[in-house]
Protein backbone atom coordinates (compact mmCIF):
# COMPACT_ATOMS: atom_id res chain seq x y z
CA MET A 1 0.05 -0.04 -0.03
CA VAL A 2 0.93 3.65 -0.39
CA ILE A 3 0.48 5.77 2.86
CA SER A 4 0.48 9.58 2.25
CA ILE A 5 1.18 11.66 5.41
CA LEU A 6 -1.07 14.73 5.47
CA ALA A 7 0.04 18.03 6.77
CA GLY A 8 -0.99 21.69 6.15
CA GLY A 9 -4.36 23.08 4.91
CA LEU A 10 -6.53 22.15 2.05
CA GLY A 11 -4.04 23.12 -0.74
CA ASN A 12 -1.23 21.15 0.77
CA GLN A 13 -3.47 18.06 1.54
CA LEU A 14 -4.55 18.14 -2.17
CA PHE A 15 -0.84 18.01 -3.26
CA GLN A 16 -0.08 15.16 -0.86
CA TYR A 17 -3.20 13.22 -2.04
CA ALA A 18 -2.41 13.77 -5.74
CA PHE A 19 0.97 12.43 -5.31
CA GLY A 20 -0.08 9.42 -3.27
CA PHE A 21 -2.91 8.77 -5.78
CA SER A 22 -0.46 8.83 -8.70
CA LEU A 23 2.15 6.68 -6.92
CA ALA A 24 -0.45 4.09 -5.90
CA ARG A 25 -1.77 3.74 -9.46
CA GLN A 26 1.85 3.42 -10.77
CA LEU A 27 2.51 0.56 -8.14
CA HIS A 28 -1.07 -1.00 -8.75
CA THR A 29 -1.80 -0.84 -4.98
CA GLU A 30 -4.11 1.04 -2.58
CA LEU A 31 -3.75 4.48 -1.18
CA GLN A 32 -4.35 5.36 2.60
CA LEU A 33 -4.10 8.72 4.21
CA GLU A 34 -2.31 9.44 7.40
CA ARG A 35 -4.06 12.03 9.43
CA HIS A 36 -2.64 11.84 12.90
CA LEU A 37 0.15 14.28 12.33
CA LEU A 38 -2.22 16.69 10.60
CA GLU A 39 -4.64 16.84 13.54
CA SER A 40 -2.10 16.83 16.31
CA ARG A 41 -2.28 20.09 18.22
CA MET A 42 0.78 19.30 20.36
CA LEU A 43 2.90 18.64 17.22
CA ALA A 44 1.60 21.98 15.74
CA LYS A 45 2.61 23.82 18.85
CA LEU A 46 6.02 22.11 19.13
CA ARG A 47 6.74 23.01 15.39
CA LYS A 48 5.25 26.55 15.57
CA TYR A 49 2.94 25.91 12.51
CA THR A 50 -0.89 26.72 12.07
CA PRO A 51 -3.02 23.80 13.43
CA ARG A 52 -5.18 22.24 10.73
CA GLN A 53 -7.82 19.60 10.28
CA TYR A 54 -8.65 17.08 7.55
CA GLU A 55 -10.46 18.84 4.59
CA LEU A 56 -10.40 16.51 1.70
CA ASP A 57 -13.90 15.37 2.47
CA VAL A 58 -15.18 18.36 0.47
CA PHE A 59 -14.26 16.36 -2.61
CA ALA A 60 -15.84 13.22 -4.13
CA ILE A 61 -12.99 10.93 -3.04
CA SER A 62 -13.29 7.93 -0.69
CA GLN A 63 -9.76 7.15 0.59
CA LYS A 64 -9.23 4.86 3.59
CA ALA A 65 -7.63 6.53 6.61
CA ALA A 66 -4.43 4.75 7.58
CA SER A 67 -4.48 3.23 11.06
CA THR A 68 -1.75 3.64 13.53
CA TYR A 69 -1.03 -0.06 13.11
CA ASP A 70 -0.70 0.29 9.41
CA VAL A 71 1.81 3.27 9.76
CA LEU A 72 3.82 1.58 12.44
CA ARG A 73 3.94 -1.75 10.45
CA THR A 74 5.00 0.01 7.27
CA LEU A 75 7.60 2.13 9.26
CA SER A 76 9.12 -0.93 10.82
CA GLN A 77 9.34 -2.69 7.55
CA THR A 78 11.53 0.12 6.15
CA LEU A 79 14.17 -0.81 8.67
CA LEU A 80 14.17 -4.65 7.34
CA PRO A 81 16.50 -5.76 4.53
CA GLY A 82 14.95 -6.58 1.11
CA HIS A 83 13.12 -3.27 0.38
CA GLN A 84 9.94 -4.70 1.97
CA ALA A 85 8.86 -1.03 2.45
CA ILE A 86 10.43 2.40 1.97
CA LEU A 87 10.07 5.80 3.75
CA LEU A 88 9.90 8.13 0.59
CA CYS A 89 10.92 11.68 1.43
CA GLU A 90 10.55 14.42 -1.13
CA THR A 91 14.28 15.19 -1.06
CA ASP A 92 15.15 11.52 -1.66
CA LEU A 93 12.74 10.82 -4.41
CA ASP A 94 15.38 10.60 -7.32
CA SER A 95 17.69 8.35 -5.34
CA GLN A 96 14.80 5.97 -4.37
CA GLU A 97 13.09 5.71 -7.69
CA VAL A 98 14.75 2.24 -8.28
CA LEU A 99 13.53 0.87 -4.89
CA LEU A 100 9.92 2.03 -5.81
CA ASN A 101 9.79 -0.69 -8.51
CA GLN A 102 10.75 -3.39 -5.89
CA THR A 103 7.99 -2.72 -3.24
CA LYS A 104 4.41 -1.83 -2.93
CA ASP A 105 4.49 -0.45 0.58
CA VAL A 106 5.55 3.16 0.59
CA LEU A 107 5.14 5.78 3.48
CA CYS A 108 5.23 9.21 1.73
CA LEU A 109 6.59 12.22 3.66
CA GLY A 110 6.67 15.55 2.02
CA TYR A 111 4.50 18.44 0.42
CA TRP A 112 5.03 17.35 -3.28
CA GLN A 113 4.10 20.70 -4.53
CA SER A 114 4.48 20.21 -8.22
CA GLU A 115 2.19 18.98 -11.03
CA ASN A 116 5.06 16.92 -12.37
CA TYR A 117 4.46 14.50 -9.50
CA PHE A 118 0.98 13.61 -10.79
CA LYS A 119 0.72 15.03 -14.23
CA SER A 120 0.30 11.44 -15.78
CA GLU A 121 -2.85 10.99 -13.72
CA THR A 122 -4.51 14.51 -14.48
CA GLU A 123 -7.44 13.09 -16.17
CA ALA A 124 -8.25 10.48 -13.30
CA LEU A 125 -7.63 13.08 -10.69
CA ARG A 126 -9.95 15.62 -12.16
CA LYS A 127 -12.73 13.07 -12.10
CA GLN A 128 -12.17 12.70 -8.37
CA LEU A 129 -11.58 16.30 -7.37
CA VAL A 130 -15.19 17.42 -7.75
CA PHE A 131 -16.65 19.32 -4.89
CA GLN A 132 -19.41 17.28 -3.20
CA LYS A 133 -20.38 19.42 -0.31
CA HIS A 134 -23.22 21.90 -1.02
CA PRO A 135 -22.23 25.64 -1.00
CA SER A 136 -24.12 28.18 0.94
CA HIS A 137 -26.69 30.50 -0.70
CA ALA A 138 -24.17 33.43 -0.52
CA THR A 139 -21.65 31.34 -2.30
CA LEU A 140 -24.12 30.27 -4.93
CA ALA A 141 -24.98 33.78 -5.61
CA VAL A 142 -21.27 34.71 -6.26
CA ALA A 143 -21.07 31.56 -8.40
CA ASN A 144 -23.82 32.72 -10.58
CA ALA A 145 -22.12 36.16 -10.84
CA ILE A 146 -18.86 34.46 -11.99
CA LEU A 147 -20.65 32.34 -14.57
CA ALA A 148 -22.42 35.41 -15.87
CA HIS A 149 -18.98 37.07 -16.77
CA SER A 150 -17.17 35.34 -19.58
CA ASN A 151 -13.86 36.77 -18.53
CA ALA A 152 -14.29 36.33 -14.63
CA THR A 153 -10.93 36.45 -13.05
CA PHE A 154 -10.05 35.59 -9.49
CA VAL A 155 -7.38 37.41 -7.50
CA HIS A 156 -6.04 35.71 -4.33
CA ILE A 157 -4.08 37.81 -1.70
CA ARG A 158 -2.85 35.44 1.02
CA ARG A 159 -1.74 37.06 4.24
CA GLY A 160 -3.02 35.50 7.54
CA ASP A 161 -0.34 33.46 9.09
CA TYR A 162 2.14 34.62 6.38
CA VAL A 163 2.05 37.88 8.52
CA THR A 164 1.37 36.66 12.02
CA ASN A 165 3.49 33.53 12.15
CA THR A 166 7.30 34.31 12.15
CA ASN A 167 8.28 31.00 10.73
CA ALA A 168 5.70 31.18 7.92
CA ASN A 169 6.63 34.71 7.10
CA GLN A 170 10.37 33.78 6.88
CA HIS A 171 9.54 30.59 4.74
CA HIS A 172 6.94 31.93 2.47
CA GLY A 173 7.21 35.77 2.20
CA LEU A 174 4.50 37.94 0.99
CA CYS A 175 3.18 38.99 -2.50
CA GLY A 176 3.14 42.75 -2.29
CA LYS A 177 1.36 45.53 -4.24
CA GLU A 178 4.02 45.60 -7.05
CA TYR A 179 3.25 41.94 -7.93
CA TYR A 180 -0.42 42.56 -8.10
CA GLN A 181 -0.04 45.70 -10.20
CA GLN A 182 2.26 43.78 -12.60
CA ALA A 183 -0.21 40.94 -12.75
CA ILE A 184 -3.13 43.11 -13.40
CA ASP A 185 -1.23 44.85 -16.13
CA TYR A 186 -0.28 41.61 -17.74
CA LEU A 187 -3.82 40.19 -17.77
CA ARG A 188 -5.48 43.26 -19.09
CA GLU A 189 -3.12 43.22 -22.06
CA ARG A 190 -4.56 39.79 -22.90
CA VAL A 191 -8.08 39.83 -21.51
CA SER A 192 -10.74 42.34 -22.41
CA ASP A 193 -13.64 43.14 -20.06
CA ALA A 194 -12.21 41.27 -17.16
CA HIS A 195 -14.21 41.26 -13.93
CA PHE A 196 -12.05 40.74 -10.78
CA PHE A 197 -13.40 38.41 -7.89
CA VAL A 198 -11.06 39.15 -4.97
CA PHE A 199 -10.43 36.59 -2.22
CA SER A 200 -8.34 37.13 0.83
CA ASP A 201 -7.98 36.23 4.51
CA ASP A 202 -7.31 39.83 5.25
CA MET A 203 -9.88 41.75 3.29
CA GLU A 204 -9.59 45.04 5.36
CA TRP A 205 -5.97 45.31 4.24
CA VAL A 206 -6.75 44.50 0.73
CA GLU A 207 -9.53 47.05 0.47
CA ARG A 208 -7.31 49.73 2.19
CA GLU A 209 -4.17 48.99 0.07
CA LEU A 210 -5.16 47.44 -3.19
CA ARG A 211 -8.75 48.31 -3.90
CA ASP A 212 -7.90 50.75 -6.73
CA LEU A 213 -6.16 48.00 -8.71
CA PHE A 214 -9.22 45.76 -9.13
CA ARG A 215 -11.93 47.59 -11.21
CA PRO A 216 -14.50 46.36 -11.85
CA ALA A 217 -14.39 43.95 -8.77
CA THR A 218 -16.44 41.86 -6.42
CA PHE A 219 -14.84 41.38 -2.87
CA VAL A 220 -15.65 37.85 -1.68
CA ASP A 221 -15.41 37.75 2.12
CA HIS A 222 -18.22 35.70 3.52
CA ASN A 223 -16.28 32.29 3.84
CA SER A 224 -14.00 31.41 6.68
CA GLY A 225 -12.95 28.66 8.81
CA ALA A 226 -14.83 25.30 7.83
CA ASP A 227 -16.35 27.13 4.99
CA SER A 228 -12.93 28.28 3.42
CA TRP A 229 -13.21 25.45 0.83
CA GLN A 230 -16.12 27.45 -0.90
CA ASP A 231 -13.54 30.03 -1.90
CA MET A 232 -11.54 27.39 -3.70
CA TYR A 233 -14.87 26.32 -5.33
CA LEU A 234 -15.57 29.84 -6.59
CA MET A 235 -11.95 30.28 -7.71
CA SER A 236 -12.33 27.12 -9.80
CA LEU A 237 -15.14 28.65 -11.67
CA CYS A 238 -13.24 31.65 -12.76
CA ARG A 239 -11.84 31.54 -16.35
CA HIS A 240 -8.72 33.40 -15.50
CA ALA A 241 -6.62 33.60 -12.24
CA ILE A 242 -4.02 35.68 -10.33
CA VAL A 243 -2.78 33.44 -7.66
CA ALA A 244 -0.86 34.25 -4.49
CA ASN A 245 2.13 32.16 -3.36
CA SER A 246 -0.37 29.84 -1.77
CA SER A 247 -1.21 26.27 -2.53
CA PHE A 248 -4.89 27.21 -1.82
CA SER A 249 -5.10 29.51 -4.88
CA TRP A 250 -2.77 27.21 -6.86
CA TRP A 251 -5.40 24.49 -6.79
CA GLY A 252 -8.24 27.10 -7.26
CA ALA A 253 -6.53 27.78 -10.56
CA TRP A 254 -5.67 24.12 -11.45
CA LEU A 255 -9.10 22.95 -10.86
CA ASN A 256 -10.36 24.78 -13.81
CA PRO A 257 -9.66 22.67 -16.93
CA VAL A 258 -10.17 25.37 -19.50
CA ALA A 259 -6.94 25.29 -21.75
CA ASP A 260 -7.08 28.83 -23.17
CA ARG A 261 -6.91 30.86 -20.04
CA VAL A 262 -4.61 33.18 -18.58
CA VAL A 263 -3.13 32.35 -15.09
CA VAL A 264 -0.54 34.52 -13.47
CA ALA A 265 1.47 33.34 -10.44
CA PRO A 266 4.48 34.67 -8.54
CA SER A 267 7.97 33.30 -9.67
CA GLN A 268 9.25 33.53 -6.07
CA TRP A 269 7.04 31.03 -4.32
CA PHE A 270 9.17 30.69 -1.35
CA ALA A 271 11.11 33.40 0.32
CA ASN A 272 14.29 31.48 0.88
CA GLN A 273 14.46 28.63 -1.77
CA PRO A 274 13.68 27.98 -5.47
CA GLN A 275 10.81 25.76 -6.29
CA GLN A 276 9.38 24.46 -9.58
CA ILE A 277 5.75 24.79 -8.58
CA ILE A 278 4.43 26.76 -11.43
CA PRO A 279 2.85 24.64 -14.28
CA GLN A 280 4.64 25.38 -17.55
CA GLN A 281 1.35 26.82 -19.28
CA TRP A 282 1.03 29.50 -16.42
CA HIS A 283 2.83 32.96 -16.50
CA SER A 284 5.11 33.79 -13.67
CA LEU A 285 6.06 37.24 -12.60
């Protein structure tokens, strides 16, 4: 079996699921999802990251949760000779590809933030990654407005723990006003009559600092907490996109399958390291 260890919010969980799903199909085995580390408040406090919860249940997927026994059994087998199982870390993927052909028990630890990890299974993934929860009336009203605009474009401004959490700020950094100005200019050169649907976890700051950039615009601020997935749902309906350095809006853009669309993303995804996270067909600034 393949066990994918989940960590982070909905966007990161989607990357970890997509990689595990692709690997399980490659190895002709089942996928299980490990949720204990994700939901551990003690671990979140020790590692100084934002506590999360399992969110993949908003999609039409039915993956078995890995039991503590399965995780410990697979982990113990990684220590035995004969490659009965392997612990697959993102940084070790290249060196362990040969071993993958010799086992069907794999424990996956990493964020796997690249389409390249699951591109071969895109069609199968899209059939699964369909929102199954019912949106609120407020969200449905915005959805109708998006569908009424042929060039509806979402803009995502991620702040939240990127501002309040020192570790997150040092790791991710922030997309500033210059990025959004350049992204808007780039998009307007290629898209006529764009209507912007603006999403953020700090709308007060956005309306104060960026409001003049987005005209005409609809500011969507009614979803938070357990309802945040509805913002991703709305993003996925928009024809064009300006994403933040956030896996949440990455997936909001990716989930829309339209080929001839404009997606703009920041080239500097992380503050302190290069990362090939932007799909080739997107434009990076």
